């Protein structure tokens, strides 16, 4: 990449490529600078530090996930929407396992807008269940944990038994959707 073309977005794009190729441990400012053909201090015109770059990378990843899950859920409701959401999430993780593992998973002020968009899609998928706001948040947390846990285990090769993993995920979706809207304990 020519120096003149270096921008904040270009730095994030380079970082994304590094993560896809080498995983999150390969993401360093010196590696990004080398890929960009500049000295490491030149990156400081575009990002403050590695922590900010990781934050920008997470915003990008969440935006990609939000675009995909939103498209999957659009026009669906109830169990059909939750199924589409869960399948889309898993699909993203399986296509981009290293990218997903680099995603910051904890609440962060710099990620608030991207996190809110992703959570909003999950809450929209739950709208047909008629839950209170608090019930919807609890359900969203459970769905996120189910999608995240299964997908990370699968992407990491954590399912070694011969049974079809797709069937297992279908069962997980059925378990999740059958438990939604049952009210409080």
Protein backbone atom coordinates (compact mmCIF):
# COMPACT_ATOMS: atom_id res chain seq x y z
CA UNK A 1 0.00 0.00 0.00
CA UNK A 2 1.39 3.41 -0.93
CA UNK A 3 1.94 5.86 1.89
CA UNK A 4 -0.41 8.40 0.35
CA UNK A 5 -3.25 5.88 0.55
CA UNK A 6 -2.80 5.31 4.28
CA UNK A 7 -5.81 6.37 6.30
CA UNK A 8 -7.54 5.22 9.46
CA UNK A 9 -9.80 2.95 7.38
CA UNK A 10 -6.80 1.57 5.50
CA UNK A 11 -5.06 0.79 8.79
CA UNK A 12 -8.16 -1.09 9.99
CA UNK A 13 -8.33 -2.97 6.68
CA UNK A 14 -4.69 -4.01 7.00
CA UNK A 15 -5.29 -5.09 10.60
CA UNK A 16 -8.29 -7.13 9.50
CA UNK A 17 -6.15 -8.90 6.90
CA UNK A 18 -3.48 -9.67 9.49
CA UNK A 19 -6.05 -11.08 11.89
CA UNK A 20 -7.60 -13.21 9.15
CA UNK A 21 -4.20 -14.63 8.22
CA UNK A 22 -2.43 -14.92 11.57
CA UNK A 23 -5.07 -14.58 14.23
CA UNK A 24 -5.26 -12.00 16.95
CA UNK A 25 -1.72 -12.67 18.29
CA UNK A 26 -0.34 -11.51 14.92
CA UNK A 27 -1.93 -8.09 15.30
CA UNK A 28 0.81 -5.67 16.30
CA UNK A 29 1.44 -2.10 15.27
CA UNK A 30 4.78 -3.11 13.80
CA UNK A 31 3.11 -5.83 11.69
CA UNK A 32 0.49 -3.35 10.45
CA UNK A 33 3.19 -0.78 9.67
CA UNK A 34 5.28 -3.35 7.80
CA UNK A 35 2.26 -4.40 5.74
CA UNK A 36 1.50 -0.73 5.00
CA UNK A 37 5.09 -0.06 4.02
CA UNK A 38 5.61 2.63 6.65
CA UNK A 39 7.50 3.01 9.89
CA UNK A 40 5.50 2.19 13.03
CA UNK A 41 5.41 5.83 14.23
CA UNK A 42 3.56 6.75 11.01
CA UNK A 43 0.56 4.77 12.26
CA UNK A 44 0.11 7.18 15.17
CA UNK A 45 -1.33 9.71 12.70
CA UNK A 46 -4.24 7.31 12.27
CA UNK A 47 -4.57 5.38 15.56
CA UNK A 48 -3.43 6.29 19.08
CA UNK A 49 -2.24 2.81 20.01
CA UNK A 50 -2.90 -0.91 19.64
CA UNK A 51 -5.86 -0.73 22.03
CA UNK A 52 -7.58 1.81 19.78
CA UNK A 53 -6.82 -0.30 16.72
CA UNK A 54 -8.40 -3.33 18.42
CA UNK A 55 -11.44 -1.19 19.24
CA UNK A 56 -11.74 0.01 15.63
CA UNK A 57 -11.33 -3.56 14.44
CA UNK A 58 -14.12 -4.69 16.78
CA UNK A 59 -16.42 -1.94 15.50
CA UNK A 60 -15.77 -3.13 11.96
CA UNK A 61 -16.42 -6.79 12.86
CA UNK A 62 -19.62 -5.93 14.75
CA UNK A 63 -20.80 -3.86 11.81
CA UNK A 64 -20.23 -6.79 9.46
CA UNK A 65 -22.09 -9.10 11.82
CA UNK A 66 -24.93 -6.60 12.21
CA UNK A 67 -25.27 -6.26 8.44
CA UNK A 68 -25.46 -10.03 8.01
CA UNK A 69 -27.75 -10.77 10.94
CA UNK A 70 -30.04 -7.86 10.09
CA UNK A 71 -30.44 -9.13 6.53
CA UNK A 72 -31.12 -12.65 7.84
CA UNK A 73 -33.76 -11.52 10.34
CA UNK A 74 -35.49 -8.98 8.09
CA UNK A 75 -39.10 -9.94 7.40
CA UNK A 76 -39.13 -12.76 9.93
CA UNK A 77 -40.59 -12.98 13.39
CA UNK A 78 -40.73 -15.27 16.39
CA UNK A 79 -38.92 -18.58 16.15
CA UNK A 80 -38.18 -18.04 12.47
CA UNK A 81 -36.36 -14.76 13.28
CA UNK A 82 -34.41 -16.31 16.15
CA UNK A 83 -33.41 -19.25 13.95
CA UNK A 84 -32.25 -16.90 11.18
CA UNK A 85 -30.30 -14.83 13.72
CA UNK A 86 -28.60 -17.86 15.24
CA UNK A 87 -27.75 -19.40 11.87
CA UNK A 88 -26.37 -16.12 10.59
CA UNK A 89 -24.22 -15.61 13.69
CA UNK A 90 -22.80 -19.11 13.46
CA UNK A 91 -22.17 -18.71 9.75
CA UNK A 92 -20.17 -15.53 10.34
CA UNK A 93 -18.04 -17.16 13.03
CA UNK A 94 -17.34 -20.22 10.89
CA UNK A 95 -16.38 -18.10 7.87
CA UNK A 96 -14.24 -15.72 9.96
CA UNK A 97 -13.07 -17.59 13.07
CA UNK A 98 -9.93 -15.52 13.60
CA UNK A 99 -11.76 -12.28 13.03
CA UNK A 100 -14.44 -13.29 15.53
CA UNK A 101 -11.87 -14.30 18.14
CA UNK A 102 -10.31 -10.83 17.86
CA UNK A 103 -13.66 -9.22 18.65
CA UNK A 104 -13.74 -7.43 21.99
CA UNK A 105 -16.56 -9.16 23.88
CA UNK A 106 -17.00 -6.81 26.83
CA UNK A 107 -18.91 -3.53 26.98
CA UNK A 108 -16.69 -0.64 25.96
CA UNK A 109 -17.57 3.04 25.46
CA UNK A 110 -15.81 3.07 22.08
CA UNK A 111 -17.91 0.14 20.92
CA UNK A 112 -21.23 1.33 22.34
CA UNK A 113 -22.85 2.25 19.03
CA UNK A 114 -21.80 -0.97 17.26
CA UNK A 115 -22.77 -3.06 20.29
CA UNK A 116 -26.15 -1.33 20.51
CA UNK A 117 -26.85 -2.06 16.85
CA UNK A 118 -26.06 -5.76 17.27
CA UNK A 119 -28.09 -6.03 20.48
CA UNK A 120 -30.93 -4.17 18.77
CA UNK A 121 -31.08 -6.85 16.08
CA UNK A 122 -31.28 -9.59 18.70
CA UNK A 123 -34.03 -7.68 20.54
CA UNK A 124 -35.91 -7.15 17.27
CA UNK A 125 -35.81 -10.92 16.68
CA UNK A 126 -37.46 -11.35 20.08
CA UNK A 127 -40.19 -8.73 19.59
CA UNK A 128 -42.85 -11.24 18.56
CA UNK A 129 -42.58 -12.98 21.93
CA UNK A 130 -44.21 -10.04 23.73
CA UNK A 131 -41.56 -9.92 26.44
CA UNK A 132 -41.03 -7.06 28.84
CA UNK A 133 -37.79 -5.12 28.33
CA UNK A 134 -36.13 -6.99 31.19
CA UNK A 135 -37.26 -10.40 29.88
CA UNK A 136 -35.97 -9.53 26.42
CA UNK A 137 -32.55 -8.58 27.84
CA UNK A 138 -32.36 -11.87 29.74
CA UNK A 139 -33.36 -13.79 26.61
CA UNK A 140 -30.85 -11.86 24.48
CA UNK A 141 -28.07 -12.76 26.92
CA UNK A 142 -29.03 -16.43 26.77
CA UNK A 143 -29.17 -16.42 22.97
CA UNK A 144 -25.81 -14.65 22.73
CA UNK A 145 -24.23 -17.15 25.10
CA UNK A 146 -25.65 -20.06 23.12
CA UNK A 147 -24.57 -18.68 19.73
CA UNK A 148 -21.16 -17.60 20.94
CA UNK A 149 -20.35 -20.75 22.89
CA UNK A 150 -21.41 -23.20 20.23
CA UNK A 151 -19.79 -21.28 17.38
CA UNK A 152 -16.48 -20.77 19.17
CA UNK A 153 -16.32 -24.43 20.15
CA UNK A 154 -17.14 -25.51 16.61
CA UNK A 155 -14.67 -23.10 14.96
CA UNK A 156 -11.97 -24.34 17.31
CA UNK A 157 -12.60 -28.00 16.49
CA UNK A 158 -14.20 -28.67 19.86
CA UNK A 159 -16.77 -31.15 18.57
CA UNK A 160 -14.91 -34.38 17.82
CA UNK A 161 -17.72 -36.91 17.99
CA UNK A 162 -19.05 -38.21 14.66
CA UNK A 163 -22.61 -36.91 14.95
CA UNK A 164 -23.58 -34.12 12.55
CA UNK A 165 -22.76 -30.72 14.07
CA UNK A 166 -25.53 -29.08 12.04
CA UNK A 167 -28.04 -31.36 13.74
CA UNK A 168 -26.62 -30.35 17.12
CA UNK A 169 -26.98 -26.66 16.26
CA UNK A 170 -30.55 -27.24 15.07
CA UNK A 171 -31.26 -28.85 18.44
CA UNK A 172 -29.73 -25.86 20.23
CA UNK A 173 -31.94 -23.51 18.23
CA UNK A 174 -34.99 -25.63 19.06
CA UNK A 175 -34.07 -25.63 22.76
CA UNK A 176 -33.61 -21.85 22.75
CA UNK A 177 -36.77 -21.05 20.82
CA UNK A 178 -38.92 -23.45 22.83
CA UNK A 179 -37.80 -21.73 26.03
CA UNK A 180 -38.57 -18.22 24.86
CA UNK A 181 -41.68 -16.48 26.02
CA UNK A 182 -42.41 -18.93 28.83
CA UNK A 183 -42.39 -16.11 31.35
CA UNK A 184 -40.54 -15.94 34.62
CA UNK A 185 -39.60 -18.93 36.71
